[in-house]
């Protein structure tokens, strides 16, 4: 009876979307998709992921908040003030815009 040789287990690592947010277009598309979910915690988390992709310390400095506060506010459990969201978006080079939702009565 011959021994069955097994293949070594595949090595995996957790998926980190920040690794793929390397252009302004990718960042804008990611943030647009997050906003379209309508989920405030997902939007805050998406901003945090984008901030990590750009460098959390630099974003915090440009937004006028501490790095630790920014990590907390933009975590999946965070609840940033709207002013913080706007300052972070500006620090990231993003502009939030509003468009009418299709098929909604005004």
C-alpha atoms as a PDB file:
ATOM      1  CA  UNK A   1       0.000   0.000   0.000  1.00  0.00           C
ATOM      2  CA  UNK A   2       1.504   3.319  -1.028  1.00  0.00           C
ATOM      3  CA  UNK A   3       1.403   6.413   1.108  1.00  0.00           C
ATOM      4  CA  UNK A   4      -0.673   9.274  -0.233  1.00  0.00           C
ATOM      5  CA  UNK A   5       1.334  12.432  -0.533  1.00  0.00           C
ATOM      6  CA  UNK A   6      -0.623  15.494   0.388  1.00  0.00           C
ATOM      7  CA  UNK A   7      -0.012  18.905  -1.029  1.00  0.00           C
ATOM      8  CA  UNK A   8       1.055  21.634   1.367  1.00  0.00           C
ATOM      9  CA  UNK A   9      -1.822  23.767   2.556  1.00  0.00           C
ATOM     10  CA  UNK A  10      -2.362  26.921   0.546  1.00  0.00           C
ATOM     11  CA  UNK A  11      -1.282  30.043   2.357  1.00  0.00           C
ATOM     12  CA  UNK A  12      -3.876  32.769   2.380  1.00  0.00           C
ATOM     13  CA  UNK A  13      -4.085  36.201   3.876  1.00  0.00           C
ATOM     14  CA  UNK A  14      -7.113  38.299   4.770  1.00  0.00           C
ATOM     15  CA  UNK A  15      -8.484  40.476   1.983  1.00  0.00           C
ATOM     16  CA  UNK A  16      -7.682  44.146   2.506  1.00  0.00           C
ATOM     17  CA  UNK A  17      -9.467  46.491   0.085  1.00  0.00           C
ATOM     18  CA  UNK A  18      -7.008  49.265   1.005  1.00  0.00           C
ATOM     19  CA  UNK A  19      -4.395  47.446  -1.078  1.00  0.00           C
ATOM     20  CA  UNK A  20      -6.464  48.078  -4.226  1.00  0.00           C
ATOM     21  CA  UNK A  21      -7.342  51.726  -3.631  1.00  0.00           C
ATOM     22  CA  UNK A  22      -4.327  53.109  -5.432  1.00  0.00           C
ATOM     23  CA  UNK A  23      -5.914  55.607  -7.831  1.00  0.00           C
ATOM     24  CA  UNK A  24      -8.328  58.500  -7.338  1.00  0.00           C
ATOM     25  CA  UNK A  25     -10.802  56.687  -9.593  1.00  0.00           C
ATOM     26  CA  UNK A  26     -10.685  53.484  -7.514  1.00  0.00           C
ATOM     27  CA  UNK A  27     -11.138  55.490  -4.321  1.00  0.00           C
ATOM     28  CA  UNK A  28     -14.088  57.439  -5.771  1.00  0.00           C
ATOM     29  CA  UNK A  29     -15.756  54.253  -7.030  1.00  0.00           C
ATOM     30  CA  UNK A  30     -15.305  52.531  -3.653  1.00  0.00           C
ATOM     31  CA  UNK A  31     -16.729  55.507  -1.739  1.00  0.00           C
ATOM     32  CA  UNK A  32     -19.642  55.866  -4.179  1.00  0.00           C
ATOM     33  CA  UNK A  33     -20.567  52.207  -3.682  1.00  0.00           C
ATOM     34  CA  UNK A  34     -20.329  52.620   0.094  1.00  0.00           C
ATOM     35  CA  UNK A  35     -22.602  55.672   0.048  1.00  0.00           C
ATOM     36  CA  UNK A  36     -25.133  53.858  -2.126  1.00  0.00           C
ATOM     37  CA  UNK A  37     -25.585  51.193   0.564  1.00  0.00           C
ATOM     38  CA  UNK A  38     -27.214  53.775   2.829  1.00  0.00           C
ATOM     39  CA  UNK A  39     -25.473  52.117   5.793  1.00  0.00           C
ATOM     40  CA  UNK A  40     -23.733  54.776   7.943  1.00  0.00           C
ATOM     41  CA  UNK A  41     -21.388  52.294   9.612  1.00  0.00           C
ATOM     42  CA  UNK A  42     -20.330  50.890   6.232  1.00  0.00           C
ATOM     43  CA  UNK A  43     -19.689  54.423   4.950  1.00  0.00           C
ATOM     44  CA  UNK A  44     -17.556  55.248   8.010  1.00  0.00           C
ATOM     45  CA  UNK A  45     -15.645  51.985   7.613  1.00  0.00           C
ATOM     46  CA  UNK A  46     -15.103  52.699   3.894  1.00  0.00           C
ATOM     47  CA  UNK A  47     -13.667  56.131   4.761  1.00  0.00           C
ATOM     48  CA  UNK A  48     -11.368  54.418   7.249  1.00  0.00           C
ATOM     49  CA  UNK A  49     -10.192  51.929   4.638  1.00  0.00           C
ATOM     50  CA  UNK A  50      -9.509  54.743   2.178  1.00  0.00           C
ATOM     51  CA  UNK A  51      -7.672  56.697   4.895  1.00  0.00           C
ATOM     52  CA  UNK A  52      -5.494  53.639   5.608  1.00  0.00           C
ATOM     53  CA  UNK A  53      -4.748  53.346   1.892  1.00  0.00           C
ATOM     54  CA  UNK A  54      -3.627  56.978   1.804  1.00  0.00           C
ATOM     55  CA  UNK A  55      -1.855  56.999   5.191  1.00  0.00           C
ATOM     56  CA  UNK A  56      -3.890  57.445   8.353  1.00  0.00           C
ATOM     57  CA  UNK A  57      -1.420  59.831  10.022  1.00  0.00           C
ATOM     58  CA  UNK A  58      -1.359  62.195   7.060  1.00  0.00           C
ATOM     59  CA  UNK A  59      -5.158  62.111   6.659  1.00  0.00           C
ATOM     60  CA  UNK A  60      -5.644  62.762  10.383  1.00  0.00           C
ATOM     61  CA  UNK A  61      -3.269  65.714  10.269  1.00  0.00           C
ATOM     62  CA  UNK A  62      -5.000  67.211   7.214  1.00  0.00           C
ATOM     63  CA  UNK A  63      -8.444  66.634   8.772  1.00  0.00           C
ATOM     64  CA  UNK A  64      -7.369  68.228  12.057  1.00  0.00           C
ATOM     65  CA  UNK A  65      -7.991  65.194  14.290  1.00  0.00           C
ATOM     66  CA  UNK A  66      -5.713  62.787  16.121  1.00  0.00           C
ATOM     67  CA  UNK A  67      -4.813  59.528  14.425  1.00  0.00           C
ATOM     68  CA  UNK A  68      -6.280  57.530  17.316  1.00  0.00           C
ATOM     69  CA  UNK A  69      -9.568  59.458  17.160  1.00  0.00           C
ATOM     70  CA  UNK A  70      -9.736  58.918  13.429  1.00  0.00           C
ATOM     71  CA  UNK A  71      -9.192  55.168  13.781  1.00  0.00           C
ATOM     72  CA  UNK A  72     -12.008  54.993  16.352  1.00  0.00           C
ATOM     73  CA  UNK A  73     -14.415  57.199  14.401  1.00  0.00           C
ATOM     74  CA  UNK A  74     -13.878  55.376  11.115  1.00  0.00           C
ATOM     75  CA  UNK A  75     -13.986  51.834  12.462  1.00  0.00           C
ATOM     76  CA  UNK A  76     -16.959  49.569  11.638  1.00  0.00           C
ATOM     77  CA  UNK A  77     -18.316  50.380  15.121  1.00  0.00           C
ATOM     78  CA  UNK A  78     -17.494  54.086  14.919  1.00  0.00           C
ATOM     79  CA  UNK A  79     -20.044  56.851  14.617  1.00  0.00           C
ATOM     80  CA  UNK A  80     -18.221  59.962  13.362  1.00  0.00           C
ATOM     81  CA  UNK A  81     -19.807  63.372  13.457  1.00  0.00           C
ATOM     82  CA  UNK A  82     -20.815  64.657  10.054  1.00  0.00           C
ATOM     83  CA  UNK A  83     -18.238  67.434  10.326  1.00  0.00           C
ATOM     84  CA  UNK A  84     -15.542  64.789  10.766  1.00  0.00           C
ATOM     85  CA  UNK A  85     -16.789  62.945   7.700  1.00  0.00           C
ATOM     86  CA  UNK A  86     -16.591  66.143   5.652  1.00  0.00           C
ATOM     87  CA  UNK A  87     -13.085  67.021   6.910  1.00  0.00           C
ATOM     88  CA  UNK A  88     -11.835  63.500   6.210  1.00  0.00           C
ATOM     89  CA  UNK A  89     -13.414  63.479   2.746  1.00  0.00           C
ATOM     90  CA  UNK A  90     -11.695  66.775   1.956  1.00  0.00           C
ATOM     91  CA  UNK A  91      -8.374  65.481   3.316  1.00  0.00           C
ATOM     92  CA  UNK A  92      -8.761  62.469   1.023  1.00  0.00           C
ATOM     93  CA  UNK A  93      -9.408  64.691  -1.980  1.00  0.00           C
ATOM     94  CA  UNK A  94     -13.053  63.609  -2.188  1.00  0.00           C
ATOM     95  CA  UNK A  95     -16.087  65.772  -2.793  1.00  0.00           C
ATOM     96  CA  UNK A  96     -19.479  64.487  -1.713  1.00  0.00           C
ATOM     97  CA  UNK A  97     -22.236  65.249  -4.197  1.00  0.00           C
ATOM     98  CA  UNK A  98     -25.954  64.595  -4.321  1.00  0.00           C
ATOM     99  CA  UNK A  99     -27.987  63.390  -7.272  1.00  0.00           C
ATOM    100  CA  UNK A 100     -31.711  62.683  -7.457  1.00  0.00           C
ATOM    101  CA  UNK A 101     -32.644  59.089  -6.879  1.00  0.00           C
ATOM    102  CA  UNK A 102     -34.352  57.617  -9.938  1.00  0.00           C
ATOM    103  CA  UNK A 103     -38.063  56.869  -9.651  1.00  0.00           C
ATOM    104  CA  UNK A 104     -38.538  58.844  -6.419  1.00  0.00           C
ATOM    105  CA  UNK A 105     -41.198  61.525  -6.263  1.00  0.00           C
ATOM    106  CA  UNK A 106     -39.952  64.898  -5.055  1.00  0.00           C
END
